[in-house]
Amino acid sequence: MLLAQRQAIAPEVRHVWDAAIGSNVLAWCARHGVRTLGVYWPIRSEPQLHHAYAELDARGVRLALPTVTSATRPLVFVAWRPGEPTRRDAHGVPVPVSGVECVPEALLVPCVGFNEAGYRLGYGGGYYDRTLAQAPRPKTAGIAYASARVRFEPDAFDVALDTIITEQA
């Protein structure tokens, strides 16, 4: 239901909301002095933040995209700059060809849904939960449209995010 709801957002509305989320991401990064940021490549109608990524890169923030190395392991982040070449992984998601791994101090985590306590619903693979269970844990900002806020009880293995950034805040 949440995926269908997100996919039904009109393109012109999505464009405005994505710009607002991008502005809120820029402010969050500046407020926290983020120097290395794990970002995501949007799939399945996730907020598209490439404009914010370009601005962060221009500000000197080092960006990295997640890569899946195993269905049971945490994500690995690979350094990436907007415009650099990517290839599609086994899931069809673009990943940097550079292969230069880095450990981001903060992550943008896409959410299918989220609750008041900062827990997220994803696609069920557990990649971000395994990644966030590691130490040291990076700062985290869930990224979603405000309409994805729902009530649910987290599972025992779920890890709450530090904040959720939407088009509203």
N, C-alpha and C. Protein backbone atom coordinates (compact mmCIF):
# COMPACT_ATOMS: atom_id res chain seq x y z
N MET A 1 0.81 -1.20 0.00
CA MET A 1 0.00 0.00 0.00
C MET A 1 0.86 1.26 0.00
N LEU A 2 1.89 1.31 0.85
CA LEU A 2 2.75 2.50 0.90
C LEU A 2 3.49 2.71 -0.42
N LEU A 3 3.95 1.63 -1.04
CA LEU A 3 4.64 1.76 -2.32
C LEU A 3 3.69 2.28 -3.39
N ALA A 4 2.47 1.76 -3.43
CA ALA A 4 1.48 2.22 -4.40
C ALA A 4 1.14 3.68 -4.17
N GLN A 5 1.01 4.05 -2.92
CA GLN A 5 0.73 5.45 -2.56
C GLN A 5 1.85 6.36 -3.04
N ARG A 6 3.10 5.94 -2.82
CA ARG A 6 4.25 6.75 -3.25
C ARG A 6 4.32 6.84 -4.76
N GLN A 7 4.07 5.73 -5.44
CA GLN A 7 4.13 5.73 -6.90
C GLN A 7 3.02 6.57 -7.52
N ALA A 8 1.94 6.78 -6.79
CA ALA A 8 0.81 7.55 -7.31
C ALA A 8 0.99 9.06 -7.19
N ILE A 9 2.05 9.51 -6.54
CA ILE A 9 2.27 10.95 -6.40
C ILE A 9 2.54 11.54 -7.78
N ALA A 10 1.82 12.58 -8.12
CA ALA A 10 1.96 13.22 -9.43
C ALA A 10 3.39 13.74 -9.62
N PRO A 11 3.94 13.62 -10.82
CA PRO A 11 5.32 14.04 -11.07
C PRO A 11 5.60 15.49 -10.68
N GLU A 12 4.67 16.39 -10.92
CA GLU A 12 4.91 17.80 -10.58
C GLU A 12 4.94 18.00 -9.07
N VAL A 13 4.14 17.24 -8.35
CA VAL A 13 4.15 17.29 -6.88
C VAL A 13 5.45 16.69 -6.36
N ARG A 14 5.83 15.55 -6.91
CA ARG A 14 7.07 14.87 -6.53
C ARG A 14 8.27 15.82 -6.72
N HIS A 15 8.29 16.53 -7.81
CA HIS A 15 9.40 17.45 -8.10
C HIS A 15 9.51 18.52 -7.01
N VAL A 16 8.40 19.09 -6.62
CA VAL A 16 8.39 20.12 -5.56
C VAL A 16 8.81 19.51 -4.23
N TRP A 17 8.26 18.35 -3.90
CA TRP A 17 8.59 17.69 -2.63
C TRP A 17 10.06 17.29 -2.60
N ASP A 18 10.59 16.77 -3.71
CA ASP A 18 12.00 16.37 -3.75
C ASP A 18 12.91 17.58 -3.52
N ALA A 19 12.55 18.71 -4.10
CA ALA A 19 13.35 19.93 -3.89
C ALA A 19 13.32 20.33 -2.41
N ALA A 20 12.16 20.22 -1.78
CA ALA A 20 12.05 20.57 -0.36
C ALA A 20 12.85 19.59 0.51
N ILE A 21 12.76 18.31 0.21
CA ILE A 21 13.55 17.33 0.96
C ILE A 21 15.03 17.62 0.77
N GLY A 22 15.43 17.90 -0.46
CA GLY A 22 16.84 18.23 -0.73
C GLY A 22 17.32 19.42 0.08
N SER A 23 16.50 20.47 0.17
CA SER A 23 16.86 21.63 0.99
C SER A 23 16.99 21.25 2.46
N ASN A 24 16.09 20.40 2.93
CA ASN A 24 16.15 19.96 4.32
C ASN A 24 17.37 19.09 4.58
N VAL A 25 17.77 18.28 3.61
CA VAL A 25 18.99 17.48 3.73
C VAL A 25 20.21 18.39 3.81
N LEU A 26 20.27 19.40 2.95
CA LEU A 26 21.41 20.34 2.97
C LEU A 26 21.52 21.02 4.33
N ALA A 27 20.39 21.44 4.89
CA ALA A 27 20.39 22.09 6.20
C ALA A 27 20.84 21.12 7.29
N TRP A 28 20.36 19.86 7.23
CA TRP A 28 20.74 18.85 8.23
C TRP A 28 22.24 18.59 8.17
N CYS A 29 22.78 18.45 6.97
CA CYS A 29 24.22 18.20 6.82
C CYS A 29 25.03 19.38 7.35
N ALA A 30 24.61 20.59 7.06
CA ALA A 30 25.32 21.78 7.55
C ALA A 30 25.25 21.87 9.07
N ARG A 31 24.08 21.62 9.62
CA ARG A 31 23.88 21.68 11.08
C ARG A 31 24.77 20.67 11.81
N HIS A 32 24.99 19.52 11.20
CA HIS A 32 25.77 18.46 11.84
C HIS A 32 27.22 18.41 11.36
N GLY A 33 27.61 19.33 10.49
CA GLY A 33 28.99 19.36 10.01
C GLY A 33 29.40 18.09 9.28
N VAL A 34 28.48 17.51 8.53
CA VAL A 34 28.76 16.25 7.84
C VAL A 34 29.82 16.46 6.76
N ARG A 35 30.84 15.61 6.81
CA ARG A 35 31.93 15.66 5.82
C ARG A 35 31.92 14.46 4.87
N THR A 36 31.39 13.33 5.33
CA THR A 36 31.30 12.12 4.52
C THR A 36 29.90 11.56 4.68
N LEU A 37 29.17 11.44 3.56
CA LEU A 37 27.75 11.11 3.62
C LEU A 37 27.43 9.93 2.71
N GLY A 38 26.84 8.90 3.27
CA GLY A 38 26.29 7.81 2.48
C GLY A 38 24.94 8.24 1.94
N VAL A 39 24.80 8.20 0.63
CA VAL A 39 23.56 8.60 -0.04
C VAL A 39 22.95 7.35 -0.67
N TYR A 40 21.90 7.49 -1.43
CA TYR A 40 21.29 6.35 -2.10
C TYR A 40 20.91 6.76 -3.51
N TRP A 41 20.82 5.77 -4.39
CA TRP A 41 20.33 5.99 -5.74
C TRP A 41 18.84 5.65 -5.70
N PRO A 42 17.95 6.57 -6.09
CA PRO A 42 16.52 6.33 -5.92
C PRO A 42 16.00 5.19 -6.81
N ILE A 43 15.26 4.30 -6.18
CA ILE A 43 14.57 3.23 -6.89
C ILE A 43 13.12 3.21 -6.43
N ARG A 44 12.26 2.65 -7.20
CA ARG A 44 10.86 2.44 -6.82
C ARG A 44 10.20 3.72 -6.28
N SER A 45 10.39 4.83 -6.97
CA SER A 45 9.75 6.11 -6.66
C SER A 45 10.24 6.74 -5.36
N GLU A 46 11.43 6.39 -4.89
CA GLU A 46 12.01 7.06 -3.72
C GLU A 46 12.30 8.51 -4.06
N PRO A 47 12.35 9.40 -3.07
CA PRO A 47 12.71 10.79 -3.34
C PRO A 47 14.04 10.88 -4.10
N GLN A 48 14.02 11.67 -5.15
CA GLN A 48 15.19 11.84 -6.02
C GLN A 48 15.94 13.09 -5.56
N LEU A 49 17.14 12.90 -5.03
CA LEU A 49 17.89 13.99 -4.41
C LEU A 49 19.19 14.33 -5.14
N HIS A 50 19.28 14.01 -6.42
CA HIS A 50 20.54 14.25 -7.14
C HIS A 50 20.95 15.73 -7.14
N HIS A 51 19.96 16.64 -7.13
CA HIS A 51 20.30 18.06 -7.05
C HIS A 51 20.98 18.39 -5.72
N ALA A 52 20.52 17.79 -4.64
CA ALA A 52 21.15 18.01 -3.33
C ALA A 52 22.53 17.35 -3.30
N TYR A 53 22.67 16.18 -3.92
CA TYR A 53 23.97 15.51 -3.97
C TYR A 53 25.00 16.41 -4.67
N ALA A 54 24.58 17.03 -5.78
CA ALA A 54 25.50 17.91 -6.51
C ALA A 54 25.91 19.10 -5.64
N GLU A 55 24.97 19.65 -4.90
CA GLU A 55 25.28 20.78 -4.02
C GLU A 55 26.20 20.34 -2.88
N LEU A 56 25.95 19.19 -2.31
CA LEU A 56 26.83 18.68 -1.25
C LEU A 56 28.24 18.45 -1.78
N ASP A 57 28.34 17.89 -2.96
CA ASP A 57 29.65 17.67 -3.59
C ASP A 57 30.36 19.01 -3.79
N ALA A 58 29.63 20.01 -4.25
CA ALA A 58 30.22 21.34 -4.46
C ALA A 58 30.68 21.95 -3.14
N ARG A 59 30.03 21.59 -2.04
CA ARG A 59 30.41 22.09 -0.72
C ARG A 59 31.57 21.31 -0.10
N GLY A 60 32.04 20.28 -0.82
CA GLY A 60 33.17 19.51 -0.33
C GLY A 60 32.81 18.29 0.50
N VAL A 61 31.52 17.93 0.53
CA VAL A 61 31.11 16.73 1.26
C VAL A 61 31.44 15.53 0.38
N ARG A 62 32.11 14.54 0.95
CA ARG A 62 32.43 13.31 0.23
C ARG A 62 31.20 12.42 0.27
N LEU A 63 30.75 11.97 -0.90
CA LEU A 63 29.57 11.14 -1.01
C LEU A 63 29.95 9.69 -1.26
N ALA A 64 29.08 8.78 -0.88
CA ALA A 64 29.30 7.36 -1.12
C ALA A 64 27.96 6.69 -1.34
N LEU A 65 27.94 5.73 -2.26
CA LEU A 65 26.74 4.95 -2.53
C LEU A 65 26.87 3.56 -1.92
N PRO A 66 25.75 2.99 -1.46
CA PRO A 66 25.80 1.65 -0.86
C PRO A 66 25.91 0.57 -1.93
N THR A 67 26.61 -0.49 -1.57
CA THR A 67 26.68 -1.67 -2.42
C THR A 67 26.38 -2.89 -1.57
N VAL A 68 25.72 -3.84 -2.18
CA VAL A 68 25.40 -5.10 -1.52
C VAL A 68 26.48 -6.11 -1.90
N THR A 69 27.17 -6.63 -0.90
CA THR A 69 28.21 -7.64 -1.16
C THR A 69 27.70 -9.04 -0.87
N SER A 70 26.67 -9.14 -0.04
CA SER A 70 26.08 -10.42 0.34
C SER A 70 24.70 -10.16 0.93
N ALA A 71 23.80 -11.11 0.75
CA ALA A 71 22.45 -10.95 1.28
C ALA A 71 22.41 -10.96 2.80
N THR A 72 23.50 -11.35 3.45
CA THR A 72 23.52 -11.45 4.91
C THR A 72 24.51 -10.51 5.57
N ARG A 73 25.15 -9.66 4.79
CA ARG A 73 26.17 -8.77 5.34
C ARG A 73 25.71 -7.31 5.31
N PRO A 74 26.32 -6.46 6.13
CA PRO A 74 26.01 -5.02 6.07
C PRO A 74 26.39 -4.44 4.70
N LEU A 75 25.85 -3.28 4.41
CA LEU A 75 26.20 -2.58 3.19
C LEU A 75 27.65 -2.11 3.24
N VAL A 76 28.25 -2.02 2.08
CA VAL A 76 29.57 -1.42 1.93
C VAL A 76 29.35 -0.13 1.14
N PHE A 77 29.99 0.95 1.54
CA PHE A 77 29.82 2.22 0.84
C PHE A 77 31.05 2.51 -0.02
N VAL A 78 30.78 2.95 -1.25
CA VAL A 78 31.83 3.22 -2.22
C VAL A 78 31.77 4.69 -2.61
N ALA A 79 32.91 5.36 -2.54
CA ALA A 79 32.99 6.79 -2.86
C ALA A 79 32.43 7.05 -4.25
N TRP A 80 31.72 8.16 -4.37
CA TRP A 80 31.07 8.51 -5.63
C TRP A 80 30.86 10.02 -5.70
N ARG A 81 31.04 10.56 -6.88
CA ARG A 81 30.71 11.96 -7.13
C ARG A 81 29.69 12.02 -8.26
N PRO A 82 28.75 12.95 -8.19
CA PRO A 82 27.77 13.06 -9.27
C PRO A 82 28.48 13.15 -10.63
N GLY A 83 28.00 12.37 -11.56
CA GLY A 83 28.58 12.35 -12.90
C GLY A 83 29.60 11.24 -13.12
N GLU A 84 30.10 10.66 -12.03
CA GLU A 84 31.06 9.57 -12.19
C GLU A 84 30.34 8.32 -12.67
N PRO A 85 31.06 7.46 -13.38
CA PRO A 85 30.42 6.26 -13.94
C PRO A 85 29.95 5.28 -12.86
N THR A 86 28.85 4.63 -13.18
CA THR A 86 28.29 3.58 -12.34
C THR A 86 28.02 2.36 -13.22
N ARG A 87 27.77 1.25 -12.56
CA ARG A 87 27.32 0.04 -13.24
C ARG A 87 26.14 -0.49 -12.43
N ARG A 88 25.34 -1.34 -13.03
CA ARG A 88 24.20 -1.91 -12.32
C ARG A 88 24.62 -3.17 -11.58
N ASP A 89 24.21 -3.27 -10.30
CA ASP A 89 24.52 -4.47 -9.53
C ASP A 89 23.49 -5.56 -9.82
N ALA A 90 23.55 -6.65 -9.09
CA ALA A 90 22.65 -7.78 -9.31
C ALA A 90 21.18 -7.42 -9.10
N HIS A 91 20.92 -6.34 -8.33
CA HIS A 91 19.55 -5.89 -8.07
C HIS A 91 19.12 -4.82 -9.07
N GLY A 92 20.01 -4.45 -10.00
CA GLY A 92 19.70 -3.42 -10.99
C GLY A 92 19.92 -2.01 -10.50
N VAL A 93 20.57 -1.85 -9.34
CA VAL A 93 20.81 -0.54 -8.76
C VAL A 93 22.20 -0.04 -9.18
N PRO A 94 22.32 1.20 -9.63
CA PRO A 94 23.64 1.73 -10.00
C PRO A 94 24.57 1.80 -8.79
N VAL A 95 25.80 1.34 -8.98
CA VAL A 95 26.85 1.42 -7.96
C VAL A 95 28.10 1.98 -8.64
N PRO A 96 28.93 2.70 -7.90
CA PRO A 96 30.13 3.30 -8.49
C PRO A 96 31.09 2.23 -9.02
N VAL A 97 31.72 2.53 -10.15
CA VAL A 97 32.72 1.60 -10.69
C VAL A 97 34.07 1.78 -10.01
N SER A 98 34.26 2.89 -9.29
CA SER A 98 35.57 3.18 -8.69
C SER A 98 36.02 2.10 -7.71
N GLY A 99 35.07 1.55 -6.95
CA GLY A 99 35.41 0.52 -5.98
C GLY A 99 36.14 1.03 -4.75
N VAL A 100 36.27 2.35 -4.59
CA VAL A 100 36.98 2.93 -3.45
C VAL A 100 36.03 2.97 -2.26
N GLU A 101 36.24 2.07 -1.31
CA GLU A 101 35.37 1.99 -0.14
C GLU A 101 35.66 3.12 0.84
N CYS A 102 34.62 3.55 1.53
CA CYS A 102 34.79 4.54 2.59
C CYS A 102 33.75 4.28 3.66
N VAL A 103 33.96 4.86 4.81
CA VAL A 103 33.03 4.70 5.94
C VAL A 103 32.40 6.06 6.22
N PRO A 104 31.14 6.26 5.78
CA PRO A 104 30.49 7.55 5.99
C PRO A 104 30.21 7.81 7.47
N GLU A 105 30.31 9.07 7.87
CA GLU A 105 29.97 9.45 9.24
C GLU A 105 28.47 9.66 9.39
N ALA A 106 27.76 9.78 8.27
CA ALA A 106 26.31 9.96 8.29
C ALA A 106 25.72 9.27 7.06
N LEU A 107 24.46 8.84 7.20
CA LEU A 107 23.77 8.15 6.11
C LEU A 107 22.40 8.75 5.86
N LEU A 108 22.03 8.84 4.60
CA LEU A 108 20.65 9.10 4.20
C LEU A 108 20.06 7.73 3.92
N VAL A 109 18.97 7.40 4.61
CA VAL A 109 18.39 6.06 4.52
C VAL A 109 16.98 6.18 3.94
N PRO A 110 16.76 5.65 2.73
CA PRO A 110 15.42 5.74 2.14
C PRO A 110 14.42 4.89 2.92
N CYS A 111 13.21 5.40 3.07
CA CYS A 111 12.18 4.71 3.84
C CYS A 111 10.94 4.48 2.97
N VAL A 112 10.40 3.28 3.02
CA VAL A 112 9.09 3.03 2.43
C VAL A 112 8.04 3.64 3.35
N GLY A 113 8.27 3.49 4.65
CA GLY A 113 7.41 4.08 5.67
C GLY A 113 8.23 4.33 6.92
N PHE A 114 7.66 5.08 7.84
CA PHE A 114 8.35 5.37 9.10
C PHE A 114 7.31 5.64 10.17
N ASN A 115 7.73 5.51 11.44
CA ASN A 115 6.81 5.81 12.53
C ASN A 115 7.34 6.96 13.39
N GLU A 116 6.56 7.33 14.39
CA GLU A 116 6.91 8.47 15.25
C GLU A 116 8.22 8.28 16.00
N ALA A 117 8.59 7.05 16.26
CA ALA A 117 9.80 6.76 17.03
C ALA A 117 11.05 6.71 16.16
N GLY A 118 10.90 6.93 14.85
CA GLY A 118 12.07 6.95 13.97
C GLY A 118 12.44 5.60 13.39
N TYR A 119 11.57 4.62 13.53
CA TYR A 119 11.81 3.33 12.89
C TYR A 119 11.30 3.40 11.47
N ARG A 120 11.95 2.64 10.60
CA ARG A 120 11.59 2.68 9.19
C ARG A 120 11.11 1.33 8.70
N LEU A 121 10.31 1.39 7.67
CA LEU A 121 9.96 0.21 6.89
C LEU A 121 10.76 0.31 5.61
N GLY A 122 11.39 -0.77 5.22
CA GLY A 122 12.14 -0.82 3.97
C GLY A 122 11.55 -1.89 3.08
N TYR A 123 12.41 -2.51 2.28
CA TYR A 123 11.94 -3.53 1.35
C TYR A 123 12.08 -4.94 1.92
N GLY A 124 12.56 -5.06 3.17
CA GLY A 124 12.58 -6.34 3.83
C GLY A 124 13.90 -7.10 3.78
N GLY A 125 14.93 -6.53 3.16
CA GLY A 125 16.21 -7.22 3.06
C GLY A 125 17.07 -7.11 4.31
N GLY A 126 16.81 -6.11 5.15
CA GLY A 126 17.56 -5.94 6.39
C GLY A 126 18.94 -5.33 6.22
N TYR A 127 19.27 -4.85 5.03
CA TYR A 127 20.62 -4.31 4.77
C TYR A 127 20.95 -3.13 5.68
N TYR A 128 20.04 -2.17 5.77
CA TYR A 128 20.32 -1.01 6.60
C TYR A 128 20.33 -1.37 8.08
N ASP A 129 19.46 -2.27 8.52
CA ASP A 129 19.48 -2.69 9.93
C ASP A 129 20.82 -3.33 10.28
N ARG A 130 21.32 -4.21 9.42
CA ARG A 130 22.63 -4.82 9.68
C ARG A 130 23.74 -3.78 9.66
N THR A 131 23.63 -2.82 8.77
CA THR A 131 24.64 -1.77 8.66
C THR A 131 24.64 -0.91 9.92
N LEU A 132 23.47 -0.55 10.41
CA LEU A 132 23.36 0.34 11.58
C LEU A 132 23.64 -0.38 12.89
N ALA A 133 23.65 -1.70 12.87
CA ALA A 133 23.96 -2.46 14.08
C ALA A 133 25.46 -2.49 14.36
N GLN A 134 26.27 -2.06 13.39
CA GLN A 134 27.72 -2.04 13.55
C GLN A 134 28.15 -0.82 14.36
N ALA A 135 29.33 -0.93 14.96
CA ALA A 135 29.92 0.22 15.65
C ALA A 135 31.17 0.63 14.88
N PRO A 136 31.47 1.89 14.80
CA PRO A 136 30.66 3.01 15.29
C PRO A 136 29.47 3.25 14.36
N ARG A 137 28.38 3.62 14.96
CA ARG A 137 27.15 3.86 14.20
C ARG A 137 27.17 5.28 13.64
N PRO A 138 26.89 5.43 12.33
CA PRO A 138 26.84 6.78 11.76
C PRO A 138 25.57 7.51 12.18
N LYS A 139 25.59 8.84 12.03
CA LYS A 139 24.36 9.62 12.17
C LYS A 139 23.44 9.16 11.05
N THR A 140 22.14 9.18 11.30
CA THR A 140 21.20 8.71 10.28
C THR A 140 20.04 9.66 10.10
N ALA A 141 19.67 9.84 8.85
CA ALA A 141 18.47 10.61 8.50
C ALA A 141 17.66 9.77 7.53
N GLY A 142 16.48 9.36 7.96
CA GLY A 142 15.58 8.66 7.06
C GLY A 142 15.01 9.65 6.06
N ILE A 143 14.82 9.21 4.83
CA ILE A 143 14.29 10.07 3.78
C ILE A 143 12.98 9.48 3.29
N ALA A 144 11.91 10.29 3.37
CA ALA A 144 10.59 9.82 2.96
C ALA A 144 9.68 11.02 2.72
N TYR A 145 8.59 10.75 2.04
CA TYR A 145 7.54 11.75 1.94
C TYR A 145 6.72 11.68 3.23
N ALA A 146 6.22 12.80 3.69
CA ALA A 146 5.49 12.86 4.96
C ALA A 146 4.29 11.91 4.96
N SER A 147 3.72 11.65 3.80
CA SER A 147 2.57 10.75 3.71
C SER A 147 2.92 9.30 4.05
N ALA A 148 4.20 8.97 4.18
CA ALA A 148 4.65 7.61 4.49
C ALA A 148 4.69 7.34 6.00
N ARG A 149 4.26 8.31 6.78
CA ARG A 149 4.23 8.11 8.23
C ARG A 149 3.06 7.20 8.59
N VAL A 150 3.39 6.10 9.27
CA VAL A 150 2.38 5.11 9.63
C VAL A 150 2.64 4.60 11.04
N ARG A 151 1.66 3.92 11.60
CA ARG A 151 1.85 3.31 12.92
C ARG A 151 2.24 1.86 12.73
N PHE A 152 3.30 1.45 13.42
CA PHE A 152 3.69 0.04 13.44
C PHE A 152 4.65 -0.16 14.60
N GLU A 153 4.73 -1.37 15.05
CA GLU A 153 5.66 -1.75 16.10
C GLU A 153 6.92 -2.29 15.44
N PRO A 154 8.10 -1.80 15.84
CA PRO A 154 9.33 -2.31 15.22
C PRO A 154 9.62 -3.74 15.66
N ASP A 155 10.36 -4.44 14.82
CA ASP A 155 10.85 -5.77 15.18
C ASP A 155 12.05 -5.61 16.09
N ALA A 156 12.43 -6.67 16.77
CA ALA A 156 13.54 -6.63 17.73
C ALA A 156 14.86 -6.22 17.07
N PHE A 157 15.05 -6.54 15.80
CA PHE A 157 16.30 -6.24 15.11
C PHE A 157 16.30 -4.86 14.46
N ASP A 158 15.19 -4.16 14.44
CA ASP A 158 15.12 -2.84 13.82
C ASP A 158 15.93 -1.83 14.61
N VAL A 159 16.52 -0.89 13.90
CA VAL A 159 17.32 0.16 14.51
C VAL A 159 16.67 1.51 14.19
N ALA A 160 16.35 2.27 15.21
CA ALA A 160 15.72 3.58 14.99
C ALA A 160 16.73 4.54 14.35
N LEU A 161 16.22 5.39 13.50
CA LEU A 161 17.03 6.43 12.86
C LEU A 161 17.06 7.67 13.77
N ASP A 162 18.08 8.50 13.60
CA ASP A 162 18.21 9.70 14.42
C ASP A 162 17.14 10.73 14.11
N THR A 163 16.77 10.82 12.84
CA THR A 163 15.76 11.78 12.41
C THR A 163 15.14 11.29 11.11
N ILE A 164 14.00 11.84 10.78
CA ILE A 164 13.35 11.57 9.48
C ILE A 164 13.22 12.91 8.79
N ILE A 165 13.68 12.98 7.55
CA ILE A 165 13.58 14.20 6.77
C ILE A 165 12.53 13.98 5.68
N THR A 166 11.55 14.87 5.67
CA THR A 166 10.48 14.84 4.65
C THR A 166 10.44 16.21 3.97
N GLU A 167 9.46 16.38 3.12
CA GLU A 167 9.27 17.67 2.47
C GLU A 167 8.77 18.72 3.46
N GLN A 168 8.27 18.28 4.60
CA GLN A 168 7.74 19.20 5.61
C GLN A 168 8.80 19.66 6.61
N ALA A 169 9.80 18.85 6.85
CA ALA A 169 10.85 19.23 7.80
C ALA A 169 12.02 18.27 7.72
